[in-house]
Amino acid sequence: MNIRCAQCGKEFKIVDPKKPSDARDTLAFKCSACGHKETLSKEPGQSWAAYFVGRALSQGAAQEEAHGEKKAPAPPQKAPLSVKKAEIAADTARKDLSPLPSQERELLPEETPRRRSVFSGLTGKVALFMLLASLVPLAIYAVVVHFATIERMEAETDHTGRQIVAGLAAQVDEWVDKNLRILQAAADLEAMRTMTPPGQEPLLRAIQANYPWKYLVFTVDEGGRNIARSDGKPLTDYSDRQYYQDVVREKKPYSWQTLIGRTTGKPALILAVPIKQGERVVGALCSAMHVDAISDQIAKWRKGKSGLAFLVDQTGKVVAHQDAALTRSEKNLSGHPLIARFKTEGPGMIRFQENGAEKVGFVQTTRWNWKVAIQQDEDEVFALIREAMIFAAVLFAATIALVLIVAVLSSRAIVRPIRQLTEAAERISTGDLEVRIAVGSKNEIGELAAAIGRMQESIRIAIDRMKRTRGKTLGLISPQASVAEAVEPL
């Protein structure tokens, strides 16, 4: 089969197209003279043998049309003996000797596709391997550290929260104990036991003068009637007060009550202890204090932007809160999420929601069954964890970028000489034996380049030997026949 190169116009002959598979619909050829590539395409299902036969018929018809009417075949003439010998020798040379790369157009194998997916090439595989080798251990370490940090932060938050709320509760207990001891010591004095205004009033005024947060110190008898007062105001009936009933009627050693004071109209804390004559309870010594005195340390406690503390009594009424309106109105916080969860979960860190925000809180019960509570937004409590996660994400991204840069640079150092060797091998396969292999590495790639160079030299020597053998063979046929005349295809 003869094919004319569309680039340089030289005609070539296909010699044994390596029995191409009929499953392939295209065959690639490369001109060994000018390097021009051409692709033959057949119909799906058609064999290449049928394709070449059809191509030959169409080209023959075209040639006949170009030369006009078909000439009648000349009668066969008997050729001289010398000519027959030359033809036999030339035909034998063509059969025995492979066609020279510079004289024929050979069928090329399918070339390696140049367009590859990202990770099908060596660069992508090196990058993927380095990413897996570096990021998988880093990711495992980051996950372990993340959960360990969360656990440690929660443990530290729980420990710190318990300490803070316990300290506030201890301050409340200490403050109440101090005021209670003062009343108990005064109730044991003989002048107080007389239950007469002249004997009690000097003591009551002295107590108020020494403890200014007490705005009123007074006594009541067995019936709840006011006997003496430190402020000199008219006497009042206190028989309806719970603290009077607890101490005088129930015979309790002490009692307290938070309420709106009749004297000031403000939230107040009332402490009461019994006054005894022998074993008989003859009345009660009481002191009234503004809750500000006890709420200052609670209401003024802050942590961060959202941290606050509050104090409720045994009934759930607010004793101290940063919102003064709740204190003045004696707001009942028994249904507060933190207090409600404390009743079921007990002490420790409590997570709850308030006004749609996630909160973390702690509650501690005092000796008087009051409850001190602190709370803070969860995001603020665990801000360090969020910062650590952001830092880990930035570090992870930076590691990926660094690994990719190193992978690309490393793979290029490997891929560049391999591409050079591939190009050289392709040129050698098309007959270009003068290609220069310029890979001088002293590693495995350098050994491969040296092997390809030796193969190139061996092919060159073999072709030279074939040319010499062919020249000798043709020289025996006719002195006037040249090598080109003997083997040049039509």
Protein backbone atom coordinates (compact mmCIF):
# COMPACT_ATOMS: atom_id res chain seq x y z
CA MET A 1 0.00 0.00 0.00
CA ASN A 2 1.45 3.37 -1.03
CA ILE A 3 0.70 6.62 0.82
CA ARG A 4 1.81 10.09 -0.22
CA CYS A 5 2.87 12.49 2.57
CA ALA A 6 0.58 15.51 2.63
CA GLN A 7 3.40 17.69 3.97
CA CYS A 8 6.43 16.99 1.76
CA GLY A 9 4.72 15.05 -1.11
CA LYS A 10 7.04 12.06 -0.88
CA GLU A 11 5.46 8.67 -1.57
CA PHE A 12 5.95 5.81 0.86
CA LYS A 13 5.02 2.21 1.06
CA ILE A 14 3.42 0.55 4.10
CA VAL A 15 5.41 -2.54 4.87
CA ASP A 16 3.66 -5.03 7.21
CA PRO A 17 1.46 -2.66 9.25
CA LYS A 18 2.00 -4.96 12.27
CA LYS A 19 -1.40 -6.52 11.78
CA PRO A 20 -3.37 -3.72 13.46
CA SER A 21 -6.36 -4.77 15.55
CA ASP A 22 -9.73 -4.21 13.87
CA ALA A 23 -11.00 -2.92 17.22
CA ARG A 24 -9.02 0.27 16.58
CA ASP A 25 -10.79 2.68 14.26
CA THR A 26 -7.74 4.91 13.74
CA LEU A 27 -4.07 4.32 12.89
CA ALA A 28 -1.35 6.94 13.31
CA PHE A 29 1.55 7.25 10.84
CA LYS A 30 4.59 9.48 10.91
CA CYS A 31 6.64 10.58 7.89
CA SER A 32 10.27 9.65 8.51
CA ALA A 33 11.40 12.33 6.03
CA CYS A 34 9.70 15.45 7.37
CA GLY A 35 8.16 14.18 10.63
CA HIS A 36 4.57 14.96 9.55
CA LYS A 37 1.95 12.83 11.32
CA GLU A 38 -1.21 11.51 9.68
CA THR A 39 -4.12 9.46 10.98
CA LEU A 40 -6.14 6.93 8.95
CA SER A 41 -9.75 6.32 10.00
CA LYS A 42 -12.03 3.43 9.03
CA GLU A 43 -15.71 2.78 9.55
CA PRO A 44 -16.66 0.99 12.80
CA GLY A 45 -16.86 -2.76 12.18
CA GLN A 46 -14.75 -2.59 8.98
CA SER A 47 -11.50 -4.56 8.91
CA TRP A 48 -8.24 -2.85 8.11
CA ALA A 49 -7.61 -5.32 5.29
CA ALA A 50 -10.85 -4.26 3.62
CA TYR A 51 -10.00 -0.61 4.28
CA PHE A 52 -6.61 -0.88 2.54
CA VAL A 53 -8.14 -2.77 -0.41
CA GLY A 54 -10.79 -0.07 -0.81
CA ARG A 55 -8.17 2.66 -0.51
CA ALA A 56 -6.06 1.01 -3.23
CA LEU A 57 -9.04 0.71 -5.58
CA SER A 58 -10.06 4.33 -5.07
CA GLN A 59 -6.50 5.58 -5.65
CA GLY A 60 -6.20 3.40 -8.79
CA ALA A 61 -9.46 4.77 -10.15
CA ALA A 62 -8.26 8.29 -9.51
CA GLN A 63 -5.02 7.65 -11.37
CA GLU A 64 -6.86 6.20 -14.39
CA GLU A 65 -9.19 9.17 -14.50
CA ALA A 66 -6.20 11.50 -14.43
CA HIS A 67 -4.44 9.75 -17.38
CA GLY A 68 -7.55 9.43 -19.56
CA GLU A 69 -8.81 6.23 -21.15
CA LYS A 70 -7.36 3.01 -19.94
CA LYS A 71 -4.76 1.66 -22.30
CA ALA A 72 -4.97 -1.91 -23.45
CA PRO A 73 -2.45 -4.09 -21.74
CA ALA A 74 0.58 -4.78 -23.84
CA PRO A 75 1.26 -8.39 -24.66
CA PRO A 76 3.76 -9.93 -22.38
CA GLN A 77 7.24 -9.89 -23.70
CA LYS A 78 9.97 -12.12 -22.71
CA ALA A 79 12.55 -10.25 -20.75
CA PRO A 80 16.24 -10.84 -21.18
CA LEU A 81 17.84 -13.22 -18.73
CA SER A 82 20.02 -10.55 -17.17
CA VAL A 83 16.99 -8.38 -16.39
CA LYS A 84 15.16 -11.31 -14.79
CA LYS A 85 18.14 -12.01 -12.56
CA ALA A 86 18.22 -8.38 -11.47
CA GLU A 87 14.51 -8.38 -10.65
CA ILE A 88 14.81 -11.64 -8.68
CA ALA A 89 17.78 -10.31 -6.74
CA ALA A 90 16.04 -6.98 -6.04
CA ASP A 91 12.87 -8.76 -4.91
CA THR A 92 14.94 -11.03 -2.66
CA ALA A 93 16.69 -8.01 -1.16
CA ARG A 94 13.33 -6.34 -0.50
CA LYS A 95 12.03 -9.46 1.25
CA ASP A 96 15.14 -10.15 3.28
CA LEU A 97 15.98 -6.62 4.31
CA SER A 98 13.75 -4.44 6.45
CA PRO A 99 12.94 -1.11 4.80
CA LEU A 100 15.04 1.81 5.89
CA PRO A 101 13.35 4.31 8.18
CA SER A 102 14.28 7.14 5.79
CA GLN A 103 12.57 5.38 2.86
CA GLU A 104 9.30 4.08 4.25
CA ARG A 105 6.32 5.20 6.28
CA GLU A 106 5.73 2.76 9.11
CA LEU A 107 2.71 2.19 11.32
CA LEU A 108 3.21 3.80 14.72
CA PRO A 109 1.79 2.46 18.00
CA GLU A 110 -0.72 4.55 19.92
CA GLU A 111 1.11 7.37 21.60
CA THR A 112 0.91 8.01 25.33
CA PRO A 113 -1.90 10.53 25.88
CA ARG A 114 -0.59 13.96 26.78
CA ARG A 115 -3.69 15.05 28.64
CA ARG A 116 -3.97 13.29 31.96
CA SER A 117 -6.06 13.69 35.06
CA VAL A 118 -4.52 15.52 37.97
CA PHE A 119 -3.40 12.42 39.86
CA SER A 120 -2.71 10.07 36.90
CA GLY A 121 0.68 11.62 36.20
CA LEU A 122 3.80 11.27 38.29
CA THR A 123 3.51 14.81 39.66
CA GLY A 124 0.01 14.21 40.96
CA LYS A 125 0.94 10.86 42.45
CA VAL A 126 3.97 12.31 44.22
CA ALA A 127 1.84 15.16 45.56
CA LEU A 128 -0.87 12.73 46.70
CA PHE A 129 1.65 10.46 48.36
CA MET A 130 3.33 13.34 50.19
CA LEU A 131 -0.05 14.71 51.25
CA LEU A 132 -1.10 11.35 52.63
CA ALA A 133 2.26 10.75 54.28
CA SER A 134 2.28 14.14 56.00
CA LEU A 135 -1.36 15.06 56.53
CA VAL A 136 -2.76 11.76 57.78
CA PRO A 137 -0.50 11.70 60.88
CA LEU A 138 -1.08 15.42 61.33
CA ALA A 139 -4.85 14.98 61.07
CA ILE A 140 -4.81 12.12 63.59
CA TYR A 141 -2.67 14.20 65.93
CA ALA A 142 -4.99 17.22 65.50
CA VAL A 143 -8.09 15.14 66.29
CA VAL A 144 -6.48 13.59 69.36
CA VAL A 145 -5.23 16.97 70.59
CA HIS A 146 -8.62 18.57 69.87
CA PHE A 147 -10.58 16.09 71.97
CA ALA A 148 -7.91 16.11 74.67
CA THR A 149 -8.08 19.91 74.75
CA ILE A 150 -11.87 19.85 75.02
CA GLU A 151 -11.70 17.33 77.84
CA ARG A 152 -9.02 19.31 79.66
CA MET A 153 -10.88 22.59 79.20
CA GLU A 154 -14.11 21.10 80.49
CA ALA A 155 -12.32 19.65 83.49
CA GLU A 156 -10.63 22.98 84.24
CA THR A 157 -13.89 24.88 83.74
CA ASP A 158 -15.71 22.51 86.08
CA HIS A 159 -12.99 22.83 88.72
CA THR A 160 -12.82 26.63 88.43
CA GLY A 161 -16.59 27.03 88.42
CA ARG A 162 -16.98 24.89 91.52
CA GLN A 163 -14.31 26.92 93.31
CA ILE A 164 -15.89 30.27 92.39
CA VAL A 165 -19.43 29.35 93.38
CA ALA A 166 -18.20 27.68 96.57
CA GLY A 167 -16.24 30.83 97.46
CA LEU A 168 -19.29 33.05 96.92
CA ALA A 169 -21.45 30.70 98.98
CA ALA A 170 -18.84 30.73 101.75
CA GLN A 171 -18.90 34.54 101.79
CA VAL A 172 -22.69 34.50 102.15
CA ASP A 173 -22.49 31.93 104.94
CA GLU A 174 -19.77 33.87 106.70
CA TRP A 175 -21.71 37.13 106.44
CA VAL A 176 -24.91 35.59 107.80
CA ASP A 177 -23.02 33.70 110.53
CA LYS A 178 -21.34 36.90 111.70
CA ASN A 179 -24.62 38.77 112.01
CA LEU A 180 -26.27 35.79 113.68
CA ARG A 181 -23.50 35.49 116.27
CA ILE A 182 -23.87 39.19 117.08
CA LEU A 183 -27.58 38.74 117.79
CA GLN A 184 -27.04 35.57 119.80
CA ALA A 185 -24.44 37.27 121.99
CA ALA A 186 -26.71 40.29 122.57
CA ALA A 187 -29.74 38.07 123.34
CA ASP A 188 -27.83 36.43 126.21
CA LEU A 189 -27.27 39.80 128.00
CA GLU A 190 -29.30 40.41 131.18
CA ALA A 191 -30.58 43.77 129.97
CA MET A 192 -32.06 42.06 126.92
CA ARG A 193 -33.80 39.43 129.05
CA THR A 194 -35.69 42.10 131.00
CA MET A 195 -37.94 42.57 127.97
CA THR A 196 -38.34 46.28 128.90
CA PRO A 197 -37.65 49.21 126.55
CA PRO A 198 -35.31 51.08 128.98
CA GLY A 199 -33.10 48.00 129.29
CA GLN A 200 -33.11 46.96 125.63
CA GLU A 201 -32.97 50.22 123.67
CA PRO A 202 -29.37 51.21 124.63
CA LEU A 203 -28.18 47.77 123.44
CA LEU A 204 -30.18 48.00 120.25
CA ARG A 205 -28.76 51.42 119.37
CA ALA A 206 -25.22 50.24 120.14
CA ILE A 207 -25.57 47.27 117.78
CA GLN A 208 -26.85 49.50 114.96
CA ALA A 209 -24.05 52.03 115.53
CA ASN A 210 -21.33 49.36 115.34
CA TYR A 211 -22.84 47.53 112.34
CA PRO A 212 -24.14 50.25 110.00
CA TRP A 213 -25.52 47.84 107.40
CA LYS A 214 -28.23 47.03 109.96
CA TYR A 215 -30.84 49.72 109.42
CA LEU A 216 -33.05 48.39 112.26
CA VAL A 217 -32.53 46.29 115.42
CA PHE A 218 -35.65 45.48 117.45
CA THR A 219 -37.29 43.04 119.86
CA VAL A 220 -40.74 41.39 119.98
CA ASP A 221 -42.50 39.66 122.84
CA GLU A 222 -44.24 36.29 122.91
CA GLY A 223 -47.27 37.73 121.15
CA GLY A 224 -45.29 39.32 118.31
CA ARG A 225 -45.67 42.87 119.57
CA ASN A 226 -42.73 45.25 119.15
CA ILE A 227 -41.07 46.04 122.52
CA ALA A 228 -38.10 48.24 121.59
CA ARG A 229 -36.45 49.68 118.43
CA SER A 230 -33.09 51.16 117.56
CA ASP A 231 -34.51 53.84 115.29
CA GLY A 232 -36.99 55.38 117.78
CA LYS A 233 -39.96 54.97 115.41
CA PRO A 234 -43.43 53.83 116.54
CA LEU A 235 -43.77 50.24 117.63
CA THR A 236 -45.22 47.72 115.15
CA ASP A 237 -46.92 44.37 115.30
CA TYR A 238 -44.75 41.62 113.78
CA SER A 239 -46.86 38.65 114.70
CA ASP A 240 -47.46 37.83 111.03
CA ARG A 241 -43.78 37.46 110.20
CA GLN A 242 -42.40 34.01 109.53
CA TYR A 243 -39.21 34.62 111.46
CA TYR A 244 -41.20 35.45 114.62
CA GLN A 245 -43.26 32.29 114.27
CA ASP A 246 -40.16 30.14 113.70
CA VAL A 247 -38.28 31.46 116.74
CA VAL A 248 -41.02 32.06 119.32
CA ARG A 249 -43.67 29.52 118.43
CA GLU A 250 -41.60 26.79 116.77
CA LYS A 251 -38.70 27.25 119.21
CA LYS A 252 -36.07 27.23 116.45
CA PRO A 253 -32.57 28.45 117.39
CA TYR A 254 -32.63 31.06 114.63
CA SER A 255 -34.60 32.11 111.57
CA TRP A 256 -34.36 34.44 108.60
CA GLN A 257 -36.64 35.88 105.98
CA THR A 258 -36.19 38.03 102.89
CA LEU A 259 -39.00 40.50 102.28
CA ILE A 260 -39.86 44.10 101.53
CA GLY A 261 -39.20 45.98 104.75
CA ARG A 262 -42.09 47.91 106.26
CA THR A 263 -39.72 50.64 107.38
CA THR A 264 -37.84 51.25 104.11
CA GLY A 265 -40.06 49.65 101.50
CA LYS A 266 -36.93 47.98 100.05
CA PRO A 267 -35.82 44.34 99.90
CA ALA A 268 -34.46 43.35 103.27
CA LEU A 269 -33.03 40.37 105.12
CA ILE A 270 -34.37 39.76 108.65
CA LEU A 271 -32.45 37.62 111.15
CA ALA A 272 -34.03 36.53 114.42
CA VAL A 273 -32.83 34.64 117.54
CA PRO A 274 -34.80 33.75 120.68
CA ILE A 275 -34.60 35.66 124.01
CA LYS A 276 -34.84 33.22 126.88
CA GLN A 277 -35.46 33.43 130.59
CA GLY A 278 -34.15 30.06 131.65
CA GLU A 279 -35.68 27.55 129.27
CA ARG A 280 -38.63 29.74 128.44
CA VAL A 281 -38.68 31.76 125.20
CA VAL A 282 -40.02 35.20 126.13
CA GLY A 283 -39.36 36.99 122.84
CA ALA A 284 -37.05 37.47 119.87
CA LEU A 285 -34.15 39.76 119.02
CA CYS A 286 -34.23 40.74 115.34
CA SER A 287 -32.13 42.77 112.93
CA ALA A 288 -33.11 44.06 109.50
CA MET A 289 -30.47 44.59 106.80
CA HIS A 290 -30.65 45.82 103.27
CA VAL A 291 -29.82 43.01 100.91
CA ASP A 292 -27.32 45.35 99.27
CA ALA A 293 -24.98 44.55 102.12
CA ILE A 294 -24.92 40.90 101.14
CA SER A 295 -25.59 41.30 97.44
CA ASP A 296 -22.67 43.60 96.64
CA GLN A 297 -20.22 40.76 96.29
CA ILE A 298 -22.72 38.62 94.40
CA ALA A 299 -24.28 41.26 92.16
CA LYS A 300 -20.92 42.81 91.29
CA TRP A 301 -19.27 39.54 90.33
CA ARG A 302 -18.35 39.47 86.64
CA LYS A 303 -16.44 37.18 84.34
CA GLY A 304 -15.86 38.16 80.75
CA LYS A 305 -18.71 39.86 78.97
CA SER A 306 -21.53 37.50 79.89
CA GLY A 307 -20.54 36.03 83.26
CA LEU A 308 -22.80 36.91 86.22
CA ALA A 309 -23.85 35.59 89.63
CA PHE A 310 -27.10 35.68 91.57
CA LEU A 311 -28.41 34.55 94.95
CA VAL A 312 -31.85 33.16 95.80
CA ASP A 313 -33.25 32.20 99.18
CA GLN A 314 -34.78 28.92 100.21
CA THR A 315 -38.06 29.77 98.46
CA GLY A 316 -36.39 30.78 95.19
CA LYS A 317 -36.82 34.55 95.63
CA VAL A 318 -33.98 36.73 94.41
CA VAL A 319 -31.71 38.05 97.16
CA ALA A 320 -28.96 39.40 94.94
CA HIS A 321 -28.73 39.91 91.18
CA GLN A 322 -26.97 42.29 88.83
CA ASP A 323 -30.45 43.30 87.64
CA ALA A 324 -31.66 45.42 90.55
CA ALA A 325 -35.24 45.27 89.28
CA LEU A 326 -35.33 41.52 89.95
CA THR A 327 -34.14 42.10 93.49
CA ARG A 328 -36.65 44.89 94.21
CA SER A 329 -39.54 42.85 92.87
CA GLU A 330 -38.41 39.72 94.74
CA LYS A 331 -38.55 37.78 91.50
CA ASN A 332 -38.95 34.06 92.05
CA LEU A 333 -36.31 32.19 90.05
CA SER A 334 -37.30 28.66 91.02
CA GLY A 335 -38.08 28.02 87.36
CA HIS A 336 -34.78 29.39 86.08
CA PRO A 337 -33.17 26.74 83.82
CA LEU A 338 -30.00 26.68 85.89
CA ILE A 339 -31.83 26.30 89.22
CA ALA A 340 -34.25 23.74 87.77
CA ARG A 341 -31.40 21.65 86.28
CA PHE A 342 -29.49 21.86 89.56
CA LYS A 343 -32.42 20.24 91.38
CA THR A 344 -32.20 17.20 89.09
CA GLU A 345 -28.49 17.03 88.23
CA GLY A 346 -26.86 18.22 91.42
CA PRO A 347 -23.59 20.18 91.72
CA GLY A 348 -21.12 20.49 88.87
CA MET A 349 -21.05 22.06 85.42
CA ILE A 350 -24.53 22.46 83.97
CA ARG A 351 -25.26 23.27 80.34
CA PHE A 352 -28.56 24.98 79.63
CA GLN A 353 -30.26 27.43 77.29
CA GLU A 354 -31.49 30.90 78.20
CA ASN A 355 -33.03 33.27 75.68
CA GLY A 356 -31.84 31.02 72.86
CA ALA A 357 -28.18 31.15 73.95
CA GLU A 358 -26.12 28.22 75.16
CA LYS A 359 -24.96 28.77 78.74
CA VAL A 360 -22.73 27.06 81.27
CA GLY A 361 -23.47 27.44 84.98
CA PHE A 362 -22.78 26.24 88.53
CA VAL A 363 -24.91 26.26 91.67
CA GLN A 364 -23.89 25.92 95.32
CA THR A 365 -26.25 25.57 98.30
CA THR A 366 -25.39 27.57 101.46
CA ARG A 367 -25.90 26.55 105.09
CA TRP A 368 -29.17 28.45 105.08
CA ASN A 369 -30.46 26.55 102.03
CA TRP A 370 -29.90 29.56 99.84
CA LYS A 371 -28.46 29.00 96.42
CA VAL A 372 -25.57 30.88 94.82
CA ALA A 373 -25.44 30.53 91.05
CA ILE A 374 -23.02 31.70 88.37
CA GLN A 375 -23.43 31.47 84.61
CA GLN A 376 -21.64 32.46 81.40
CA ASP A 377 -22.08 32.02 77.64
CA GLU A 378 -20.66 28.70 76.48
CA ASP A 379 -18.88 30.32 73.52
CA GLU A 380 -17.03 32.62 75.87
CA VAL A 381 -16.17 29.86 78.33
CA PHE A 382 -14.65 27.69 75.61
CA ALA A 383 -13.19 30.51 73.53
CA LEU A 384 -9.73 28.96 73.87
CA ILE A 385 -10.97 25.78 72.21
CA ARG A 386 -12.35 27.77 69.29
CA GLU A 387 -9.07 29.66 68.97
CA ALA A 388 -7.17 26.38 69.08
CA MET A 389 -9.39 24.98 66.31
CA ILE A 390 -8.81 28.06 64.16
CA PHE A 391 -5.06 27.80 64.71
CA ALA A 392 -5.15 24.08 63.84
CA ALA A 393 -7.11 24.82 60.64
CA VAL A 394 -4.61 27.51 59.60
CA LEU A 395 -1.70 25.18 60.37
CA PHE A 396 -3.37 22.39 58.40
CA ALA A 397 -3.91 24.66 55.38
CA ALA A 398 -0.34 25.95 55.55
CA THR A 399 0.96 22.38 55.73
CA ILE A 400 -1.07 21.41 52.66
CA ALA A 401 0.30 24.38 50.72
CA LEU A 402 3.89 23.63 51.78
CA VAL A 403 3.56 19.94 50.94
CA LEU A 404 2.12 20.75 47.51
CA ILE A 405 4.97 23.16 46.74
CA VAL A 406 7.59 20.63 47.82
CA ALA A 407 5.80 17.85 45.90
CA VAL A 408 5.62 19.88 42.68
CA LEU A 409 9.28 20.90 42.89
CA SER A 410 10.39 17.36 43.73
CA SER A 411 8.29 15.75 41.02
CA ARG A 412 9.49 18.20 38.40
CA ALA A 413 13.07 17.23 39.14
CA ILE A 414 12.06 13.62 38.43
CA VAL A 415 9.59 14.14 35.59
CA ARG A 416 11.69 16.53 33.47
CA PRO A 417 14.46 14.00 32.60
CA ILE A 418 11.85 11.26 32.12
CA ARG A 419 10.01 13.44 29.59
CA GLN A 420 13.29 14.13 27.81
CA LEU A 421 14.00 10.41 27.59
CA THR A 422 10.44 9.72 26.38
CA GLU A 423 10.76 12.28 23.60
CA ALA A 424 14.14 10.91 22.60
CA ALA A 425 12.76 7.35 22.52
CA GLU A 426 9.82 8.45 20.34
CA ARG A 427 12.17 10.15 17.86
CA ILE A 428 14.38 7.08 17.77
CA SER A 429 11.29 4.91 17.08
CA THR A 430 10.56 7.03 13.97
CA GLY A 431 14.06 6.64 12.63
CA ASP A 432 15.75 9.76 13.96
CA LEU A 433 18.98 8.27 15.22
CA GLU A 434 20.74 11.61 15.56
CA VAL A 435 18.72 12.74 18.57
CA ARG A 436 20.91 13.83 21.44
CA ILE A 437 20.18 12.40 24.91
CA ALA A 438 21.22 15.14 27.32
CA VAL A 439 20.41 13.52 30.69
CA GLY A 440 23.52 13.37 32.80
CA SER A 441 22.09 12.32 36.17
CA LYS A 442 24.06 9.80 38.20
CA ASN A 443 20.98 8.05 39.56
CA GLU A 444 18.58 5.45 38.14
CA ILE A 445 17.34 7.95 35.52
CA GLY A 446 20.90 8.52 34.39
CA GLU A 447 21.36 4.76 34.04
CA LEU A 448 18.19 4.60 31.94
CA ALA A 449 19.47 7.45 29.72
CA ALA A 450 22.77 5.63 29.24
CA ALA A 451 20.91 2.42 28.30
CA ILE A 452 18.78 4.29 25.72
CA GLY A 453 21.96 5.85 24.34
CA ARG A 454 23.57 2.44 23.96
CA MET A 455 20.40 1.16 22.27
CA GLN A 456 20.50 4.14 19.89
CA GLU A 457 24.10 3.40 18.97
CA SER A 458 23.34 -0.31 18.47
CA ILE A 459 20.47 0.55 16.10
CA ARG A 460 22.72 2.92 14.15
CA ILE A 461 25.42 0.22 13.79
CA ALA A 462 22.82 -2.36 12.72
CA ILE A 463 21.38 -0.06 10.06
CA ASP A 464 24.85 0.76 8.73
CA ARG A 465 25.59 -2.94 8.51
CA MET A 466 22.31 -3.54 6.66
CA LYS A 467 23.10 -0.75 4.20
CA ARG A 468 26.48 -2.21 3.47
CA THR A 469 25.00 -5.69 3.03
CA ARG A 470 22.30 -4.33 0.71
CA GLY A 471 24.85 -2.40 -1.31
CA LYS A 472 26.95 -5.51 -1.84
CA THR A 473 23.89 -7.51 -2.89
CA LEU A 474 22.76 -4.94 -5.42
CA GLY A 475 26.30 -4.52 -6.73
CA LEU A 476 26.28 -8.16 -7.78
CA ILE A 477 23.15 -7.58 -9.86
CA SER A 478 24.21 -4.68 -12.07
CA PRO A 479 27.02 -2.18 -11.90
CA GLN A 480 24.68 0.48 -13.21
CA ALA A 481 21.89 -0.20 -10.61
CA SER A 482 21.97 2.09 -7.65
CA VAL A 483 20.67 1.34 -4.21
CA ALA A 484 17.92 3.93 -4.57
CA GLU A 485 16.74 2.36 -7.87
CA ALA A 486 16.62 -1.07 -6.34
CA VAL A 487 14.66 -0.31 -3.16
CA GLU A 488 12.87 3.01 -3.73
CA PRO A 489 9.13 2.30 -3.55
CA LEU A 490 6.79 3.47 -6.25
